[in-house]
Amino acid sequence: MQTSGEERREFQRLILGQPHAGTFQSVPVVLIEMGILGTRVLHKVPFESQRGDLRFVHDGNVVTMRCEVVRTMEVDPARYGGAGLASGMRFLAALGDSGNHLRAMLVHLVSRSLEQRGETSSTQLRITPGDGDRTVRGADEDAAGQAV
């Protein structure tokens, strides 16, 4: 049994810098997170069924994904622009060229996320060129000097 707040997703979703308007079935939604296996959307009214087609536009391309609603929770409408419900959806199939458009969208989101993290991350690698054999760690330097 799942405890409150436990993470159930296998892959993380990326927060969309600019929310995308779309529809699920005939219900208007706003996509706020996107991942390889699914998305999180905000909406004002309940969905008619747990399965349907999610449609939105990214980079001028219409993306249509067949989805299944995994869970729906009530959210604070004041915090989410009037939307009172948030739903997590699992992608079941990409229709037409939507798989290619979704991959392009994810590449863009991942690249942007890595660039943002790289500028502020304390774990960013700083690589300096070495001098061939003279690039030796301190512990190895003593052993190399004794071997000569």
N, C-alpha and C. Protein backbone atom coordinates (compact mmCIF):
# COMPACT_ATOMS: atom_id res chain seq x y z
N MET A 1 0.84 -1.18 0.00
CA MET A 1 0.00 0.00 0.00
C MET A 1 0.88 1.25 0.00
N GLN A 2 0.51 2.21 -0.80
CA GLN A 2 1.31 3.44 -0.92
C GLN A 2 1.06 4.35 0.27
N THR A 3 2.15 4.90 0.80
CA THR A 3 2.01 5.88 1.86
C THR A 3 1.94 7.27 1.25
N SER A 4 1.42 8.20 1.99
CA SER A 4 1.27 9.56 1.49
C SER A 4 2.61 10.15 1.10
N GLY A 5 2.68 10.73 -0.09
CA GLY A 5 3.91 11.38 -0.54
C GLY A 5 4.93 10.45 -1.16
N GLU A 6 4.67 9.15 -1.20
CA GLU A 6 5.62 8.20 -1.78
C GLU A 6 5.64 8.36 -3.30
N GLU A 7 6.81 8.34 -3.88
CA GLU A 7 6.97 8.51 -5.33
C GLU A 7 6.66 7.19 -6.02
N ARG A 8 5.75 7.22 -7.01
CA ARG A 8 5.36 6.02 -7.72
C ARG A 8 5.91 5.97 -9.14
N ARG A 9 6.39 7.08 -9.65
CA ARG A 9 6.86 7.12 -11.04
C ARG A 9 8.19 6.41 -11.20
N GLU A 10 8.35 5.73 -12.34
CA GLU A 10 9.62 5.10 -12.66
C GLU A 10 10.62 6.11 -13.19
N PHE A 11 10.14 7.11 -13.93
CA PHE A 11 10.98 8.14 -14.50
C PHE A 11 10.44 9.49 -14.06
N GLN A 12 11.33 10.42 -13.83
CA GLN A 12 10.91 11.75 -13.41
C GLN A 12 10.33 12.52 -14.58
N ARG A 13 9.48 13.47 -14.24
CA ARG A 13 8.94 14.38 -15.25
C ARG A 13 9.64 15.72 -15.11
N LEU A 14 9.71 16.43 -16.20
CA LEU A 14 10.34 17.75 -16.23
C LEU A 14 9.25 18.82 -16.15
N ILE A 15 9.52 19.85 -15.38
CA ILE A 15 8.57 20.94 -15.26
C ILE A 15 8.65 21.78 -16.53
N LEU A 16 7.52 22.04 -17.12
CA LEU A 16 7.49 22.85 -18.34
C LEU A 16 7.69 24.31 -17.96
N GLY A 17 8.66 24.97 -18.58
CA GLY A 17 8.90 26.38 -18.31
C GLY A 17 7.68 27.22 -18.65
N GLN A 18 7.05 26.87 -19.75
CA GLN A 18 5.83 27.54 -20.21
C GLN A 18 4.74 26.47 -20.27
N PRO A 19 3.73 26.53 -19.38
CA PRO A 19 2.66 25.52 -19.45
C PRO A 19 2.02 25.49 -20.84
N HIS A 20 1.61 24.31 -21.26
CA HIS A 20 1.00 24.12 -22.58
C HIS A 20 -0.50 23.86 -22.40
N ALA A 21 -1.31 24.61 -23.11
CA ALA A 21 -2.76 24.36 -23.12
C ALA A 21 -3.04 23.18 -24.03
N GLY A 22 -4.04 22.41 -23.68
CA GLY A 22 -4.42 21.28 -24.50
C GLY A 22 -5.80 20.79 -24.12
N THR A 23 -6.15 19.62 -24.61
CA THR A 23 -7.42 18.98 -24.24
C THR A 23 -7.17 17.50 -23.98
N PHE A 24 -7.92 16.96 -23.04
CA PHE A 24 -7.98 15.51 -22.83
C PHE A 24 -9.44 15.15 -22.99
N GLN A 25 -9.73 14.29 -23.96
CA GLN A 25 -11.10 14.06 -24.39
C GLN A 25 -11.62 15.42 -24.86
N SER A 26 -12.63 15.96 -24.23
CA SER A 26 -13.12 17.29 -24.60
C SER A 26 -12.87 18.31 -23.50
N VAL A 27 -12.12 17.91 -22.48
CA VAL A 27 -11.87 18.76 -21.31
C VAL A 27 -10.61 19.59 -21.51
N PRO A 28 -10.69 20.92 -21.36
CA PRO A 28 -9.48 21.74 -21.44
C PRO A 28 -8.53 21.41 -20.28
N VAL A 29 -7.23 21.30 -20.60
CA VAL A 29 -6.21 21.01 -19.60
C VAL A 29 -5.02 21.94 -19.81
N VAL A 30 -4.18 22.02 -18.79
CA VAL A 30 -2.90 22.72 -18.88
C VAL A 30 -1.83 21.73 -18.47
N LEU A 31 -0.90 21.44 -19.39
CA LEU A 31 0.20 20.52 -19.09
C LEU A 31 1.26 21.29 -18.31
N ILE A 32 1.67 20.76 -17.15
CA ILE A 32 2.66 21.45 -16.32
C ILE A 32 3.94 20.64 -16.15
N GLU A 33 3.90 19.34 -16.39
CA GLU A 33 5.08 18.48 -16.31
C GLU A 33 5.02 17.48 -17.45
N MET A 34 6.20 17.07 -17.94
CA MET A 34 6.24 16.13 -19.06
C MET A 34 7.39 15.16 -18.83
N GLY A 35 7.16 13.90 -19.16
CA GLY A 35 8.20 12.88 -19.06
C GLY A 35 8.09 11.91 -20.21
N ILE A 36 8.97 10.94 -20.22
CA ILE A 36 8.99 9.98 -21.31
C ILE A 36 7.78 9.04 -21.27
N LEU A 37 7.26 8.81 -20.08
CA LEU A 37 6.14 7.88 -19.94
C LEU A 37 4.80 8.54 -19.66
N GLY A 38 4.82 9.85 -19.36
CA GLY A 38 3.55 10.48 -19.03
C GLY A 38 3.66 11.96 -18.75
N THR A 39 2.57 12.52 -18.25
CA THR A 39 2.48 13.95 -18.02
C THR A 39 1.60 14.23 -16.81
N ARG A 40 1.67 15.46 -16.34
CA ARG A 40 0.79 15.92 -15.27
C ARG A 40 0.05 17.13 -15.81
N VAL A 41 -1.27 17.13 -15.64
CA VAL A 41 -2.10 18.20 -16.17
C VAL A 41 -2.99 18.77 -15.07
N LEU A 42 -3.38 20.03 -15.25
CA LEU A 42 -4.36 20.68 -14.40
C LEU A 42 -5.65 20.81 -15.18
N HIS A 43 -6.78 20.70 -14.48
CA HIS A 43 -8.08 20.85 -15.13
C HIS A 43 -9.13 21.26 -14.10
N LYS A 44 -10.24 21.82 -14.60
CA LYS A 44 -11.28 22.34 -13.71
C LYS A 44 -12.41 21.35 -13.47
N VAL A 45 -12.67 20.47 -14.43
CA VAL A 45 -13.78 19.52 -14.30
C VAL A 45 -13.25 18.10 -14.43
N PRO A 46 -13.94 17.14 -13.83
CA PRO A 46 -13.50 15.74 -13.93
C PRO A 46 -13.57 15.24 -15.38
N PHE A 47 -12.76 14.23 -15.68
CA PHE A 47 -12.78 13.60 -17.00
C PHE A 47 -13.95 12.63 -17.10
N GLU A 48 -14.42 12.44 -18.35
CA GLU A 48 -15.54 11.53 -18.60
C GLU A 48 -15.15 10.07 -18.38
N SER A 49 -13.89 9.73 -18.72
CA SER A 49 -13.41 8.36 -18.53
C SER A 49 -11.92 8.40 -18.24
N GLN A 50 -11.35 7.27 -17.90
CA GLN A 50 -9.94 7.19 -17.52
C GLN A 50 -9.01 7.09 -18.72
N ARG A 51 -9.54 6.85 -19.91
CA ARG A 51 -8.72 6.75 -21.12
C ARG A 51 -9.22 7.73 -22.16
N GLY A 52 -8.28 8.24 -22.95
CA GLY A 52 -8.66 9.15 -24.01
C GLY A 52 -7.43 9.72 -24.69
N ASP A 53 -7.66 10.67 -25.58
CA ASP A 53 -6.57 11.30 -26.33
C ASP A 53 -6.25 12.67 -25.75
N LEU A 54 -4.98 12.90 -25.50
CA LEU A 54 -4.47 14.18 -25.04
C LEU A 54 -3.90 14.89 -26.27
N ARG A 55 -4.33 16.14 -26.49
CA ARG A 55 -3.85 16.91 -27.64
C ARG A 55 -3.29 18.24 -27.15
N PHE A 56 -2.13 18.59 -27.69
CA PHE A 56 -1.54 19.90 -27.42
C PHE A 56 -0.60 20.24 -28.57
N VAL A 57 -0.16 21.48 -28.61
CA VAL A 57 0.74 21.93 -29.67
C VAL A 57 2.08 22.29 -29.04
N HIS A 58 3.17 21.80 -29.67
CA HIS A 58 4.52 22.18 -29.26
C HIS A 58 5.32 22.51 -30.50
N ASP A 59 5.94 23.67 -30.51
CA ASP A 59 6.77 24.10 -31.64
C ASP A 59 6.00 24.06 -32.97
N GLY A 60 4.74 24.38 -32.91
CA GLY A 60 3.91 24.40 -34.11
C GLY A 60 3.41 23.04 -34.56
N ASN A 61 3.74 21.99 -33.83
CA ASN A 61 3.32 20.63 -34.17
C ASN A 61 2.24 20.15 -33.22
N VAL A 62 1.18 19.57 -33.78
CA VAL A 62 0.11 18.99 -32.95
C VAL A 62 0.60 17.63 -32.45
N VAL A 63 0.53 17.45 -31.13
CA VAL A 63 0.92 16.19 -30.50
C VAL A 63 -0.35 15.55 -29.95
N THR A 64 -0.59 14.31 -30.34
CA THR A 64 -1.75 13.57 -29.85
C THR A 64 -1.27 12.26 -29.25
N MET A 65 -1.51 12.12 -27.96
CA MET A 65 -1.08 10.93 -27.23
C MET A 65 -2.30 10.23 -26.64
N ARG A 66 -2.41 8.93 -26.86
CA ARG A 66 -3.44 8.15 -26.19
C ARG A 66 -2.95 7.93 -24.77
N CYS A 67 -3.80 8.27 -23.79
CA CYS A 67 -3.38 8.26 -22.38
C CYS A 67 -4.37 7.52 -21.49
N GLU A 68 -3.86 7.19 -20.32
CA GLU A 68 -4.67 6.62 -19.26
C GLU A 68 -4.42 7.45 -18.00
N VAL A 69 -5.49 7.87 -17.33
CA VAL A 69 -5.35 8.64 -16.10
C VAL A 69 -4.93 7.68 -14.99
N VAL A 70 -3.82 7.99 -14.34
CA VAL A 70 -3.30 7.15 -13.28
C VAL A 70 -3.90 7.57 -11.93
N ARG A 71 -3.95 8.88 -11.72
CA ARG A 71 -4.60 9.37 -10.51
C ARG A 71 -4.97 10.84 -10.68
N THR A 72 -5.98 11.24 -9.92
CA THR A 72 -6.45 12.62 -9.92
C THR A 72 -6.57 13.06 -8.47
N MET A 73 -6.09 14.28 -8.22
CA MET A 73 -6.14 14.84 -6.86
C MET A 73 -6.71 16.25 -6.91
N GLU A 74 -7.35 16.65 -5.84
CA GLU A 74 -7.79 18.03 -5.72
C GLU A 74 -6.59 18.89 -5.38
N VAL A 75 -6.53 20.10 -5.97
CA VAL A 75 -5.46 21.05 -5.68
C VAL A 75 -6.08 22.39 -5.35
N ASP A 76 -5.29 23.27 -4.77
CA ASP A 76 -5.75 24.60 -4.39
C ASP A 76 -5.96 25.45 -5.65
N PRO A 77 -7.21 25.80 -5.97
CA PRO A 77 -7.47 26.59 -7.18
C PRO A 77 -6.76 27.94 -7.17
N ALA A 78 -6.57 28.54 -6.01
CA ALA A 78 -5.89 29.84 -5.94
C ALA A 78 -4.43 29.70 -6.37
N ARG A 79 -3.82 28.57 -6.08
CA ARG A 79 -2.42 28.34 -6.43
C ARG A 79 -2.25 27.97 -7.91
N TYR A 80 -3.25 27.35 -8.49
CA TYR A 80 -3.13 26.83 -9.85
C TYR A 80 -4.07 27.51 -10.84
N GLY A 81 -4.24 28.79 -10.72
CA GLY A 81 -4.98 29.56 -11.72
C GLY A 81 -6.41 29.12 -11.94
N GLY A 82 -7.09 28.70 -10.90
CA GLY A 82 -8.49 28.32 -11.02
C GLY A 82 -8.72 26.84 -11.21
N ALA A 83 -7.69 26.09 -11.57
CA ALA A 83 -7.85 24.64 -11.74
C ALA A 83 -7.96 23.99 -10.37
N GLY A 84 -8.93 23.16 -10.19
CA GLY A 84 -9.12 22.50 -8.91
C GLY A 84 -8.67 21.06 -8.89
N LEU A 85 -8.24 20.54 -10.04
CA LEU A 85 -7.84 19.14 -10.13
C LEU A 85 -6.50 19.02 -10.86
N ALA A 86 -5.70 18.06 -10.41
CA ALA A 86 -4.44 17.72 -11.08
C ALA A 86 -4.46 16.22 -11.34
N SER A 87 -4.10 15.83 -12.55
CA SER A 87 -4.09 14.41 -12.90
C SER A 87 -2.75 14.00 -13.49
N GLY A 88 -2.29 12.83 -13.08
CA GLY A 88 -1.12 12.21 -13.68
C GLY A 88 -1.60 11.24 -14.74
N MET A 89 -0.98 11.29 -15.91
CA MET A 89 -1.39 10.43 -17.04
C MET A 89 -0.22 9.62 -17.55
N ARG A 90 -0.50 8.41 -17.94
CA ARG A 90 0.48 7.52 -18.55
C ARG A 90 0.22 7.48 -20.05
N PHE A 91 1.28 7.63 -20.84
CA PHE A 91 1.14 7.53 -22.29
C PHE A 91 0.97 6.06 -22.68
N LEU A 92 -0.01 5.79 -23.51
CA LEU A 92 -0.22 4.44 -24.01
C LEU A 92 0.24 4.30 -25.46
N ALA A 93 0.04 5.37 -26.24
CA ALA A 93 0.44 5.33 -27.65
C ALA A 93 0.56 6.75 -28.18
N ALA A 94 1.46 6.93 -29.15
CA ALA A 94 1.59 8.19 -29.87
C ALA A 94 0.88 8.03 -31.20
N LEU A 95 0.04 8.98 -31.55
CA LEU A 95 -0.71 8.89 -32.80
C LEU A 95 -0.02 9.70 -33.89
N GLY A 96 0.09 9.13 -35.07
CA GLY A 96 0.74 9.80 -36.19
C GLY A 96 2.21 10.08 -35.89
N ASP A 97 2.65 11.30 -36.17
CA ASP A 97 4.04 11.70 -35.91
C ASP A 97 4.26 12.21 -34.50
N SER A 98 3.29 12.03 -33.63
CA SER A 98 3.36 12.60 -32.28
C SER A 98 4.54 12.06 -31.47
N GLY A 99 4.95 10.84 -31.70
CA GLY A 99 6.10 10.28 -30.99
C GLY A 99 7.36 11.08 -31.28
N ASN A 100 7.56 11.43 -32.54
CA ASN A 100 8.73 12.24 -32.92
C ASN A 100 8.65 13.63 -32.32
N HIS A 101 7.46 14.22 -32.34
CA HIS A 101 7.29 15.57 -31.77
C HIS A 101 7.51 15.55 -30.26
N LEU A 102 7.04 14.50 -29.59
CA LEU A 102 7.23 14.39 -28.15
C LEU A 102 8.72 14.23 -27.82
N ARG A 103 9.43 13.40 -28.58
CA ARG A 103 10.87 13.23 -28.35
C ARG A 103 11.61 14.55 -28.53
N ALA A 104 11.26 15.31 -29.55
CA ALA A 104 11.90 16.61 -29.77
C ALA A 104 11.62 17.55 -28.60
N MET A 105 10.41 17.51 -28.09
CA MET A 105 10.06 18.33 -26.93
C MET A 105 10.88 17.93 -25.71
N LEU A 106 11.01 16.64 -25.47
CA LEU A 106 11.78 16.16 -24.33
C LEU A 106 13.26 16.50 -24.45
N VAL A 107 13.81 16.39 -25.66
CA VAL A 107 15.21 16.77 -25.88
C VAL A 107 15.40 18.23 -25.50
N HIS A 108 14.49 19.08 -25.93
CA HIS A 108 14.56 20.51 -25.61
C HIS A 108 14.48 20.73 -24.10
N LEU A 109 13.54 20.04 -23.43
CA LEU A 109 13.37 20.21 -21.98
C LEU A 109 14.59 19.73 -21.20
N VAL A 110 15.14 18.59 -21.59
CA VAL A 110 16.32 18.05 -20.90
C VAL A 110 17.52 18.97 -21.11
N SER A 111 17.71 19.41 -22.34
CA SER A 111 18.84 20.32 -22.63
C SER A 111 18.73 21.60 -21.80
N ARG A 112 17.54 22.17 -21.76
CA ARG A 112 17.34 23.39 -20.98
C ARG A 112 17.59 23.14 -19.49
N SER A 113 17.12 22.01 -18.99
CA SER A 113 17.31 21.68 -17.58
C SER A 113 18.79 21.50 -17.25
N LEU A 114 19.54 20.83 -18.13
CA LEU A 114 20.97 20.64 -17.89
C LEU A 114 21.73 21.95 -17.95
N GLU A 115 21.35 22.83 -18.87
CA GLU A 115 22.00 24.14 -18.96
C GLU A 115 21.77 24.94 -17.68
N GLN A 116 20.54 24.92 -17.18
CA GLN A 116 20.22 25.66 -15.96
C GLN A 116 20.97 25.10 -14.76
N ARG A 117 21.04 23.79 -14.67
CA ARG A 117 21.75 23.16 -13.56
C ARG A 117 23.25 23.40 -13.65
N GLY A 118 23.79 23.39 -14.86
CA GLY A 118 25.22 23.60 -15.06
C GLY A 118 25.69 24.96 -14.63
N GLU A 119 24.86 25.96 -14.78
CA GLU A 119 25.25 27.32 -14.43
C GLU A 119 25.28 27.53 -12.92
N THR A 120 24.47 26.77 -12.19
CA THR A 120 24.36 27.00 -10.75
C THR A 120 24.82 25.82 -9.90
N SER A 121 25.22 24.74 -10.52
CA SER A 121 25.55 23.53 -9.78
C SER A 121 26.94 23.59 -9.17
N SER A 122 27.02 23.19 -7.90
CA SER A 122 28.34 23.14 -7.26
C SER A 122 29.08 21.87 -7.65
N THR A 123 28.40 20.95 -8.33
CA THR A 123 29.04 19.71 -8.75
C THR A 123 29.51 19.76 -10.20
N GLN A 124 29.42 20.92 -10.82
CA GLN A 124 29.84 21.04 -12.20
C GLN A 124 31.32 20.68 -12.32
N LEU A 125 31.64 19.88 -13.30
CA LEU A 125 33.02 19.46 -13.50
C LEU A 125 33.86 20.61 -14.05
N ARG A 126 35.04 20.75 -13.51
CA ARG A 126 36.00 21.72 -14.04
C ARG A 126 37.21 20.91 -14.49
N ILE A 127 37.34 20.75 -15.78
CA ILE A 127 38.39 19.92 -16.34
C ILE A 127 39.54 20.81 -16.79
N THR A 128 40.72 20.49 -16.31
CA THR A 128 41.90 21.23 -16.73
C THR A 128 42.80 20.26 -17.47
N PRO A 129 43.48 20.73 -18.50
CA PRO A 129 44.35 19.82 -19.27
C PRO A 129 45.51 19.33 -18.41
N GLY A 130 45.85 18.07 -18.55
CA GLY A 130 46.97 17.49 -17.82
C GLY A 130 48.24 17.54 -18.65
N ASP A 131 49.36 17.17 -18.02
CA ASP A 131 50.65 17.19 -18.71
C ASP A 131 51.15 15.76 -18.85
N GLY A 132 50.42 14.97 -19.64
CA GLY A 132 50.85 13.60 -19.92
C GLY A 132 51.14 12.80 -18.67
N ASP A 133 52.37 12.25 -18.58
CA ASP A 133 52.75 11.39 -17.46
C ASP A 133 52.95 12.17 -16.17
N ARG A 134 53.08 13.48 -16.24
CA ARG A 134 53.30 14.26 -15.03
C ARG A 134 52.00 14.49 -14.26
N THR A 135 50.86 14.11 -14.86
CA THR A 135 49.58 14.23 -14.16
C THR A 135 49.40 12.98 -13.32
N VAL A 136 49.81 13.05 -12.06
CA VAL A 136 49.79 11.91 -11.15
C VAL A 136 49.21 12.36 -9.83
N ARG A 137 48.41 11.50 -9.21
CA ARG A 137 47.90 11.81 -7.89
C ARG A 137 49.03 11.72 -6.87
N GLY A 138 48.87 12.41 -5.76
CA GLY A 138 49.91 12.43 -4.73
C GLY A 138 50.35 11.06 -4.25
N ALA A 139 49.40 10.16 -4.01
CA ALA A 139 49.73 8.81 -3.52
C ALA A 139 50.52 8.04 -4.57
N ASP A 140 50.20 8.24 -5.84
CA ASP A 140 50.90 7.54 -6.91
C ASP A 140 52.28 8.13 -7.16
N GLU A 141 52.45 9.41 -6.86
CA GLU A 141 53.73 10.08 -7.10
C GLU A 141 54.82 9.47 -6.24
N ASP A 142 54.53 9.16 -4.98
CA ASP A 142 55.53 8.55 -4.09
C ASP A 142 55.94 7.18 -4.61
N ALA A 143 54.96 6.38 -5.05
CA ALA A 143 55.27 5.03 -5.55
C ALA A 143 56.08 5.12 -6.83
N ALA A 144 55.76 6.08 -7.69
CA ALA A 144 56.48 6.21 -8.96
C ALA A 144 57.93 6.64 -8.70
N GLY A 145 58.14 7.50 -7.74
CA GLY A 145 59.48 7.96 -7.43
C GLY A 145 60.33 6.84 -6.85
N GLN A 146 59.73 5.92 -6.08
CA GLN A 146 60.48 4.83 -5.48
C GLN A 146 60.82 3.76 -6.50
N ALA A 147 59.99 3.64 -7.53
CA ALA A 147 60.21 2.59 -8.53
C ALA A 147 61.39 2.92 -9.43
N VAL A 148 61.79 4.15 -9.54
CA VAL A 148 62.85 4.55 -10.46
C VAL A 148 64.20 4.22 -9.90
